[in-house]
Amino acid sequence: MTVTLTPPRVLLGGLLVAAGALFAAAPGVHAQGRGQSGGSTAAAGRGAASSDIRVLKVRDNIFMLTGAGGNVTVMTFAEGALLVDTGTAAMANSVLDTVKRLSPKPIAHIINTNASDDHVGGNAVLAATGRRIPVEVVAGEGAMIVAHENVMTRMSAPTGKEAAAPERAWPNETYHLDEMKLSTRFHGGEPIQLLHVPAAHSDGDTLVWFRRSDVIATGDIFMTTTYPIIDVAHGGTIDGVIAGLNKVLDLSFVDFRSEGGTMIVPGHGRLSDMADVAYYRDMVTIIRDRVEDAIKKGQTVEQVKAAKLTRDYDGRWGATSGPWTTDMFVDAVYKTLSAKKK
């Protein structure tokens, strides 16, 4: 397996500038520029086939892994490693090998931002190799898996029913309120806050805020590869996505003229900052307003699709084939806005 290491970079005056020297790399690790991901954009959108994992150093002890399906965030600390999402099941061993190169310590915690297969697929494999802390209290147990309770609902099933995921992949700690704070003592002194965003990509979305390091992992609320993926069947709505993007902006700070500052790890795509999220939020809001206006005029979903209300953004975000097309996005927007009207 080849692991590619990428130095963090920031935009200043429109020019890409290296934000720090490369740190020592393990054998087989080499440097790449910011924003490069494993495989094509389409592959990054919903699970890559390549065995290569690319690593971007976001902060001194926080890394972004791409090429495993959904992006994986890794925070290393003295007692272990914490992961935000685990990629697809097919990429679990590659993710595990990469994490071992970043830290010799076991995986202590896994946080899932949603229940999609490309974010929870590696749970079982990665958790089984981990060790939760404090070791003297929970010796012999695998990594703690934390998520919103709706993620647990999606992955599990009532007695006698077939679950969507094996039991060993399920969260073993959930929260049901607006937020959850993890103790700094067992996370290298890092204050980590989980923020629930209801009815966004789904009904179980979590933003993960590394407060001291000034990093936010957004899950599928924000992506740089496609229009928002709205899982209508599982409670997703366009208004919830916009609310989630606004929440990310509320938590973020800039370095200079909307660039740099808070680093944002999207569910798919390249490392971003506050400006990237703001542009994405504006695009999504404009399309929402256009579709909403069409609904008020009595247009059907087919008429809205034919009107191509997304045409000025399709060159950047659209797709006519693959797992998430422009028509699928417009259909999801129409459905959730029509339901709100009722």
Protein backbone atom coordinates (compact mmCIF):
# COMPACT_ATOMS: atom_id res chain seq x y z
CA MET A 1 0.00 0.00 0.00
CA THR A 2 1.25 3.48 -0.88
CA VAL A 3 0.51 6.29 1.54
CA THR A 4 0.79 9.81 0.14
CA LEU A 5 1.54 12.63 2.58
CA THR A 6 0.40 16.16 1.82
CA PRO A 7 1.58 19.35 3.57
CA PRO A 8 -1.12 21.86 4.61
CA ARG A 9 -1.44 24.95 2.47
CA VAL A 10 -3.42 28.15 2.66
CA LEU A 11 -4.60 30.71 0.12
CA LEU A 12 -3.11 34.16 0.42
CA GLY A 13 -3.89 36.74 -2.23
CA GLY A 14 -4.99 33.98 -4.60
CA LEU A 15 -1.64 32.14 -4.39
CA LEU A 16 -1.11 28.73 -2.82
CA VAL A 17 1.53 29.01 -0.11
CA ALA A 18 2.97 26.13 1.89
CA ALA A 19 1.89 26.49 5.53
CA GLY A 20 4.69 24.46 7.07
CA ALA A 21 7.58 22.14 6.46
CA LEU A 22 6.96 18.48 5.81
CA PHE A 23 7.23 16.30 8.87
CA ALA A 24 9.22 13.07 8.87
CA ALA A 25 7.52 10.44 6.73
CA ALA A 26 7.44 6.71 7.17
CA PRO A 27 8.79 4.53 4.35
CA GLY A 28 6.52 4.67 1.32
CA VAL A 29 5.17 8.12 2.25
CA HIS A 30 5.76 11.07 -0.07
CA ALA A 31 4.43 14.60 -0.44
CA GLN A 32 1.66 15.92 -2.65
CA GLY A 33 0.00 19.32 -3.08
CA ARG A 34 -3.14 20.40 -1.29
CA GLY A 35 -6.50 19.30 -2.61
CA GLN A 36 -5.35 16.12 -4.33
CA SER A 37 -7.41 13.08 -3.49
CA GLY A 38 -7.26 9.38 -4.17
CA GLY A 39 -8.81 8.62 -7.56
CA SER A 40 -11.25 10.71 -9.54
CA THR A 41 -13.85 13.10 -8.16
CA ALA A 42 -16.57 10.58 -8.88
CA ALA A 43 -14.69 7.90 -6.97
CA ALA A 44 -14.17 10.22 -4.04
CA GLY A 45 -17.88 10.96 -3.99
CA ARG A 46 -19.02 7.50 -2.97
CA GLY A 47 -16.18 5.07 -2.32
CA ALA A 48 -12.83 4.73 -4.09
CA ALA A 49 -11.55 1.50 -5.61
CA SER A 50 -7.85 2.34 -5.25
CA SER A 51 -5.86 0.87 -2.38
CA ASP A 52 -3.87 4.12 -2.05
CA ILE A 53 -4.72 6.42 0.83
CA ARG A 54 -3.55 10.02 0.67
CA VAL A 55 -2.72 11.86 3.89
CA LEU A 56 -2.88 15.61 4.45
CA LYS A 57 -1.40 17.09 7.62
CA VAL A 58 -4.02 19.60 8.76
CA ARG A 59 -2.53 20.47 12.16
CA ASP A 60 0.41 19.07 14.14
CA ASN A 61 -1.58 16.03 15.23
CA ILE A 62 -4.64 16.11 12.94
CA PHE A 63 -4.66 14.50 9.50
CA MET A 64 -7.16 14.12 6.67
CA LEU A 65 -7.24 10.79 4.82
CA THR A 66 -8.77 10.65 1.33
CA GLY A 67 -9.35 7.72 -0.99
CA ALA A 68 -11.21 5.52 1.50
CA GLY A 69 -14.74 6.51 0.43
CA GLY A 70 -15.76 9.33 2.74
CA ASN A 71 -12.91 11.44 4.14
CA VAL A 72 -11.42 10.20 7.41
CA THR A 73 -10.05 12.60 10.04
CA VAL A 74 -7.35 11.24 12.37
CA MET A 75 -6.24 12.91 15.59
CA THR A 76 -3.21 11.39 17.30
CA PHE A 77 -2.36 11.86 20.98
CA ALA A 78 -0.17 10.24 23.62
CA GLU A 79 -2.57 7.45 24.56
CA GLY A 80 -4.04 6.61 21.17
CA ALA A 81 -5.79 7.86 18.05
CA LEU A 82 -9.26 9.23 17.39
CA LEU A 83 -10.98 8.84 14.01
CA VAL A 84 -13.88 10.74 12.53
CA ASP A 85 -15.53 8.23 10.17
CA THR A 86 -13.94 5.05 8.83
CA GLY A 87 -14.55 4.94 5.05
CA THR A 88 -15.94 1.94 3.22
CA ALA A 89 -15.66 -1.67 4.36
CA ALA A 90 -13.48 -2.47 1.35
CA MET A 91 -10.94 0.17 2.40
CA ALA A 92 -10.88 -0.63 6.13
CA ASN A 93 -7.53 -2.45 6.14
CA SER A 94 -5.90 0.30 4.09
CA VAL A 95 -7.20 2.92 6.53
CA LEU A 96 -5.91 0.83 9.44
CA ASP A 97 -2.45 0.53 7.88
CA THR A 98 -2.38 4.29 7.33
CA VAL A 99 -3.40 5.08 10.90
CA LYS A 100 -0.65 2.79 12.17
CA ARG A 101 1.88 4.81 10.17
CA LEU A 102 0.62 8.00 11.81
CA SER A 103 0.57 6.60 15.36
CA PRO A 104 1.86 3.39 16.99
CA LYS A 105 -0.90 3.69 19.58
CA PRO A 106 -4.26 1.88 19.24
CA ILE A 107 -7.44 3.54 18.01
CA ALA A 108 -9.30 4.69 21.12
CA HIS A 109 -12.34 6.47 19.68
CA ILE A 110 -14.32 6.53 16.44
CA ILE A 111 -16.90 9.24 15.78
CA ASN A 112 -19.42 8.70 12.96
CA THR A 113 -20.85 11.79 11.28
CA ASN A 114 -23.71 9.82 9.67
CA ALA A 115 -24.80 6.27 8.88
CA SER A 116 -23.79 6.15 5.19
CA ASP A 117 -21.81 3.07 4.15
CA ASP A 118 -18.84 5.14 3.02
CA HIS A 119 -18.54 6.70 6.49
CA VAL A 120 -19.23 3.72 8.76
CA GLY A 121 -18.09 0.83 6.56
CA GLY A 122 -14.76 0.41 8.34
CA ASN A 123 -16.20 0.55 11.88
CA ALA A 124 -16.06 -3.17 12.61
CA VAL A 125 -12.48 -3.73 11.46
CA LEU A 126 -11.03 -0.57 12.99
CA ALA A 127 -12.87 -0.81 16.30
CA ALA A 128 -11.83 -4.44 16.76
CA THR A 129 -8.14 -3.49 16.59
CA GLY A 130 -8.56 -0.56 18.99
CA ARG A 131 -8.53 -0.17 22.74
CA ARG A 132 -10.68 2.31 24.60
CA ILE A 133 -9.28 4.34 27.44
CA PRO A 134 -8.72 4.51 30.35
CA VAL A 135 -7.18 1.07 29.84
CA GLU A 136 -7.22 0.19 33.54
CA VAL A 137 -11.01 0.55 33.60
CA VAL A 138 -12.02 -0.97 30.25
CA ALA A 139 -9.14 -3.36 29.53
CA GLY A 140 -9.77 -5.77 26.68
CA GLU A 141 -12.51 -3.74 25.00
CA GLY A 142 -12.22 -2.31 21.49
CA ALA A 143 -12.49 1.32 20.46
CA MET A 144 -15.45 3.41 21.55
CA ILE A 145 -17.78 4.27 18.63
CA VAL A 146 -19.74 7.49 19.18
CA ALA A 147 -22.61 8.84 17.05
CA HIS A 148 -26.01 10.45 17.24
CA GLU A 149 -28.72 8.01 18.32
CA ASN A 150 -30.35 8.15 14.87
CA VAL A 151 -27.17 6.63 13.39
CA MET A 152 -27.59 3.72 15.79
CA THR A 153 -31.22 3.40 14.67
CA ARG A 154 -30.15 3.23 11.01
CA MET A 155 -27.41 0.67 11.56
CA SER A 156 -29.26 -1.63 13.97
CA ALA A 157 -32.68 -3.29 13.82
CA PRO A 158 -35.40 -4.54 16.18
CA THR A 159 -35.03 -8.08 17.49
CA GLY A 160 -35.74 -10.59 14.73
CA LYS A 161 -35.05 -8.11 11.94
CA GLU A 162 -31.92 -7.94 9.78
CA ALA A 163 -29.70 -4.98 10.63
CA ALA A 164 -28.03 -2.76 8.03
CA ALA A 165 -24.61 -3.37 9.63
CA PRO A 166 -23.05 -6.06 11.83
CA GLU A 167 -23.43 -5.48 15.55
CA ARG A 168 -19.71 -4.95 16.10
CA ALA A 169 -19.94 -1.91 13.79
CA TRP A 170 -22.72 -0.22 15.74
CA PRO A 171 -22.08 2.82 17.94
CA ASN A 172 -21.64 1.81 21.57
CA GLU A 173 -22.15 5.35 22.83
CA THR A 174 -24.80 7.72 21.47
CA TYR A 175 -26.16 11.16 22.24
CA HIS A 176 -29.67 12.51 21.67
CA LEU A 177 -29.38 16.18 22.60
CA ASP A 178 -28.14 19.07 20.46
CA GLU A 179 -24.51 18.43 21.38
CA MET A 180 -22.06 16.20 23.21
CA LYS A 181 -18.69 17.18 24.69
CA LEU A 182 -15.86 14.65 25.02
CA SER A 183 -13.52 14.85 28.01
CA THR A 184 -10.17 16.49 27.32
CA ARG A 185 -8.38 14.12 29.72
CA PHE A 186 -8.70 11.14 27.41
CA HIS A 187 -8.20 13.03 24.14
CA GLY A 188 -4.77 14.57 24.52
CA GLY A 189 -6.14 17.75 26.08
CA GLU A 190 -8.19 18.54 22.96
CA PRO A 191 -11.73 19.87 23.61
CA ILE A 192 -13.92 17.99 21.11
CA GLN A 193 -17.56 18.94 20.66
CA LEU A 194 -20.15 16.97 18.69
CA LEU A 195 -22.98 19.07 17.27
CA HIS A 196 -26.14 17.49 15.92
CA VAL A 197 -27.57 19.04 12.75
CA PRO A 198 -31.14 17.71 12.37
CA ALA A 199 -32.68 16.93 8.99
CA ALA A 200 -29.63 17.87 6.88
CA HIS A 201 -27.93 15.13 4.82
CA SER A 202 -29.98 12.79 7.04
CA ASP A 203 -31.53 12.90 10.51
CA GLY A 204 -28.34 11.76 12.24
CA ASP A 205 -25.66 14.20 11.08
CA THR A 206 -22.90 15.32 13.43
CA LEU A 207 -20.37 18.13 13.08
CA VAL A 208 -17.14 17.36 14.93
CA TRP A 209 -15.38 20.47 16.25
CA PHE A 210 -11.79 20.23 17.46
CA ARG A 211 -11.91 23.47 19.40
CA ARG A 212 -8.25 24.00 20.37
CA SER A 213 -6.93 22.90 16.98
CA ASP A 214 -9.59 24.95 15.14
CA VAL A 215 -10.65 22.11 12.83
CA ILE A 216 -14.18 21.04 11.90
CA ALA A 217 -15.10 17.70 10.29
CA THR A 218 -18.47 18.19 8.59
CA GLY A 219 -19.43 14.78 7.25
CA ASP A 220 -21.77 15.01 4.26
CA ILE A 221 -23.25 18.34 5.27
CA PHE A 222 -20.46 19.92 3.23
CA MET A 223 -18.61 18.46 0.22
CA THR A 224 -16.41 19.91 -2.48
CA THR A 225 -17.24 17.28 -5.11
CA THR A 226 -20.96 17.52 -5.79
CA TYR A 227 -24.29 19.08 -4.93
CA PRO A 228 -25.46 18.14 -1.40
CA ILE A 229 -26.52 14.52 -1.07
CA ILE A 230 -29.91 14.67 0.62
CA ASP A 231 -31.12 11.34 1.99
CA VAL A 232 -34.84 12.12 1.93
CA ALA A 233 -35.77 8.57 2.98
CA HIS A 234 -33.80 9.04 6.20
CA GLY A 235 -34.92 12.55 7.12
CA GLY A 236 -32.66 14.71 4.97
CA THR A 237 -33.83 18.16 3.81
CA ILE A 238 -32.39 21.07 1.86
CA ASP A 239 -33.19 23.53 4.66
CA GLY A 240 -31.33 21.32 7.12
CA VAL A 241 -28.26 21.29 4.87
CA ILE A 242 -28.30 25.10 4.72
CA ALA A 243 -28.71 25.30 8.50
CA GLY A 244 -25.73 22.96 8.89
CA LEU A 245 -23.57 25.04 6.58
CA ASN A 246 -24.52 28.17 8.50
CA LYS A 247 -23.55 26.41 11.72
CA VAL A 248 -20.11 25.63 10.29
CA LEU A 249 -19.73 29.29 9.35
CA ASP A 250 -20.80 30.37 12.85
CA LEU A 251 -18.05 28.23 14.38
CA SER A 252 -15.32 29.27 11.93
CA PHE A 253 -12.78 32.09 11.97
CA VAL A 254 -10.71 33.48 9.12
CA ASP A 255 -7.03 34.29 8.98
CA PHE A 256 -7.18 37.06 6.38
CA ARG A 257 -9.91 38.16 3.97
CA SER A 258 -12.01 35.00 4.39
CA GLU A 259 -9.01 32.74 3.71
CA GLY A 260 -7.21 30.35 6.03
CA GLY A 261 -8.10 30.22 9.71
CA THR A 262 -10.40 27.35 10.65
CA MET A 263 -9.63 24.23 8.62
CA ILE A 264 -12.68 22.30 7.45
CA VAL A 265 -12.59 18.62 6.51
CA PRO A 266 -15.54 17.92 4.17
CA GLY A 267 -17.33 14.61 3.84
CA HIS A 268 -15.79 14.28 0.37
CA GLY A 269 -13.23 16.36 -1.48
CA ARG A 270 -10.37 18.66 -0.57
CA LEU A 271 -9.46 20.44 2.65
CA SER A 272 -11.37 23.72 2.87
CA ASP A 273 -11.74 26.93 4.80
CA MET A 274 -14.55 29.31 5.72
CA ALA A 275 -14.67 30.89 2.25
CA ASP A 276 -15.23 27.51 0.58
CA VAL A 277 -18.17 26.78 2.88
CA ALA A 278 -19.62 30.26 2.33
CA TYR A 279 -19.53 29.89 -1.46
CA TYR A 280 -21.13 26.44 -1.17
CA ARG A 281 -23.81 27.76 1.21
CA ASP A 282 -24.63 30.61 -1.16
CA MET A 283 -24.95 28.22 -4.11
CA VAL A 284 -27.22 25.84 -2.22
CA THR A 285 -29.37 28.69 -0.90
CA ILE A 286 -29.82 30.22 -4.37
CA ILE A 287 -30.91 26.89 -5.84
CA ARG A 288 -33.26 26.29 -2.90
CA ASP A 289 -34.89 29.67 -3.45
CA ARG A 290 -35.30 29.05 -7.18
CA VAL A 291 -36.97 25.68 -6.65
CA GLU A 292 -39.16 27.09 -3.90
CA ASP A 293 -40.32 29.88 -6.21
CA ALA A 294 -41.13 27.34 -8.92
CA ILE A 295 -43.19 25.32 -6.44
CA LYS A 296 -45.14 28.44 -5.47
CA LYS A 297 -45.93 28.91 -9.18
CA GLY A 298 -47.39 25.40 -9.32
CA GLN A 299 -44.63 23.77 -11.38
CA THR A 300 -44.20 20.00 -11.22
CA VAL A 301 -40.87 18.38 -10.43
CA GLU A 302 -40.45 17.46 -14.10
CA GLN A 303 -41.03 21.08 -15.12
CA VAL A 304 -38.47 22.22 -12.55
CA LYS A 305 -35.89 19.75 -13.88
CA ALA A 306 -36.59 20.84 -17.46
CA ALA A 307 -36.10 24.48 -16.47
CA LYS A 308 -32.51 23.64 -15.42
CA LEU A 309 -32.51 25.95 -12.43
CA THR A 310 -29.03 24.72 -11.54
CA ARG A 311 -27.47 25.35 -14.95
CA ASP A 312 -25.08 28.11 -13.86
CA TYR A 313 -23.58 25.77 -11.26
CA ASP A 314 -23.69 22.46 -13.12
CA GLY A 315 -20.22 22.85 -14.60
CA ARG A 316 -18.76 22.81 -11.07
CA TRP A 317 -21.13 20.63 -9.08
CA GLY A 318 -23.39 18.80 -11.52
CA ALA A 319 -23.38 15.25 -12.88
CA THR A 320 -25.50 13.40 -15.43
CA SER A 321 -24.40 9.95 -14.32
CA GLY A 322 -23.05 8.23 -11.25
CA PRO A 323 -24.42 7.73 -7.75
CA TRP A 324 -25.67 11.32 -7.29
CA THR A 325 -26.81 13.28 -10.34
CA THR A 326 -28.10 16.80 -10.71
CA ASP A 327 -31.62 15.50 -11.36
CA MET A 328 -31.48 13.46 -8.14
CA PHE A 329 -30.44 16.58 -6.23
CA VAL A 330 -33.24 18.69 -7.74
CA ASP A 331 -35.74 15.91 -7.03
CA ALA A 332 -34.65 15.80 -3.36
CA VAL A 333 -34.88 19.58 -3.03
CA TYR A 334 -38.34 19.58 -4.60
CA LYS A 335 -39.61 16.81 -2.33
CA THR A 336 -38.43 18.39 0.90
CA LEU A 337 -39.72 21.84 -0.01
CA SER A 338 -43.07 20.43 -1.14
CA ALA A 339 -43.39 18.58 2.15
CA LYS A 340 -42.69 21.80 4.05
CA LYS A 341 -45.40 23.60 2.07
CA LYS A 342 -47.97 21.03 3.16
